[in-house]
Amino acid sequence: MLVIPVVVTDNNGMLTARVDYPENRTFQNEYVYFPVLVTLNLKTVLTGMQLTTGAFEFKLEGARGEKFYVVHRIFYPAF
């Protein structure tokens, strides 16, 4: 078993951690995730103005800003 000390310091409410690895040792953590399919059912509700063609763009983005899906509303049915 390898014991690796972690020193946690409280700096005015901001915690920091320092890992003291033994000489010539590193730790590599790997996580493999599996893709999933998700169906999102969304409804556009607009108050205070008329819906117009091409007025809105909807984006589904990841936590780092990568774009997964972009929808440009081209046609709005009459209500």
Protein backbone atom coordinates (compact mmCIF):
# COMPACT_ATOMS: atom_id res chain seq x y z
CA MET A 1 0.00 0.00 0.00
CA LEU A 2 1.22 3.49 -0.86
CA VAL A 3 0.40 6.26 1.63
CA ILE A 4 0.37 9.76 0.15
CA PRO A 5 -0.08 12.66 2.59
CA VAL A 6 -2.40 15.53 1.64
CA VAL A 7 -1.99 18.80 3.57
CA VAL A 8 -5.16 20.93 3.65
CA THR A 9 -4.78 24.59 4.59
CA ASP A 10 -7.57 27.04 5.46
CA ASN A 11 -6.67 30.48 4.11
CA ASN A 12 -9.51 32.73 5.35
CA GLY A 13 -12.19 30.25 4.29
CA MET A 14 -10.47 29.21 1.03
CA LEU A 15 -9.25 25.64 1.36
CA THR A 16 -6.19 24.51 -0.56
CA ALA A 17 -4.71 21.02 -0.74
CA ARG A 18 -1.08 20.10 -1.31
CA VAL A 19 -0.17 16.52 -2.13
CA ASP A 20 3.26 15.34 -1.01
CA TYR A 21 4.07 12.53 -3.46
CA PRO A 22 6.96 10.25 -2.59
CA GLU A 23 9.99 10.75 -4.84
CA ASN A 24 9.49 9.44 -8.40
CA ARG A 25 5.82 8.60 -7.78
CA THR A 26 2.78 10.11 -9.47
CA PHE A 27 -0.92 9.37 -9.28
CA GLN A 28 -3.06 9.30 -12.40
CA ASN A 29 -6.82 9.03 -12.04
CA GLU A 30 -8.77 7.98 -15.10
CA TYR A 31 -12.52 7.98 -15.58
CA VAL A 32 -14.25 6.56 -18.62
CA TYR A 33 -17.84 7.59 -19.17
CA PHE A 34 -20.35 6.02 -21.48
CA PRO A 35 -22.42 8.17 -23.86
CA VAL A 36 -26.13 8.41 -23.16
CA LEU A 37 -29.08 9.49 -25.28
CA VAL A 38 -31.39 12.10 -23.80
CA THR A 39 -34.64 13.46 -25.19
CA LEU A 40 -35.46 17.00 -24.10
CA ASN A 41 -39.02 18.19 -24.54
CA LEU A 42 -38.97 21.98 -24.44
CA LYS A 43 -41.57 24.66 -25.00
CA THR A 44 -40.91 28.27 -25.99
CA VAL A 45 -42.97 30.81 -24.06
CA LEU A 46 -42.59 34.45 -25.03
CA THR A 47 -44.33 37.30 -23.23
CA GLY A 48 -44.37 40.90 -24.36
CA MET A 49 -43.54 40.58 -28.06
CA GLN A 50 -44.60 38.80 -31.24
CA LEU A 51 -42.69 35.71 -32.34
CA THR A 52 -40.90 36.39 -35.61
CA THR A 53 -39.05 34.12 -38.00
CA GLY A 54 -35.39 33.66 -37.10
CA ALA A 55 -35.60 35.79 -33.94
CA PHE A 56 -34.18 33.14 -31.62
CA GLU A 57 -31.41 30.57 -31.53
CA PHE A 58 -31.33 27.80 -28.94
CA LYS A 59 -28.08 26.09 -27.98
CA LEU A 60 -27.26 23.07 -25.89
CA GLU A 61 -23.70 23.47 -24.62
CA GLY A 62 -21.38 21.50 -22.41
CA ALA A 63 -19.79 22.73 -19.20
CA ARG A 64 -16.72 23.92 -21.15
CA GLY A 65 -18.78 25.69 -23.83
CA GLU A 66 -18.67 22.97 -26.49
CA LYS A 67 -21.76 23.11 -28.67
CA PHE A 68 -23.81 19.93 -28.89
CA TYR A 69 -26.90 21.18 -30.69
CA VAL A 70 -28.09 24.46 -32.18
CA VAL A 71 -31.67 25.14 -33.28
CA HIS A 72 -32.64 28.15 -35.35
CA ARG A 73 -36.38 28.71 -35.22
CA ILE A 74 -37.36 29.32 -38.83
CA PHE A 75 -41.14 29.05 -38.75
CA TYR A 76 -43.70 29.89 -36.10
CA PRO A 77 -47.22 28.54 -36.58
CA ALA A 78 -50.17 30.90 -36.22
CA PHE A 79 -51.84 30.67 -32.82
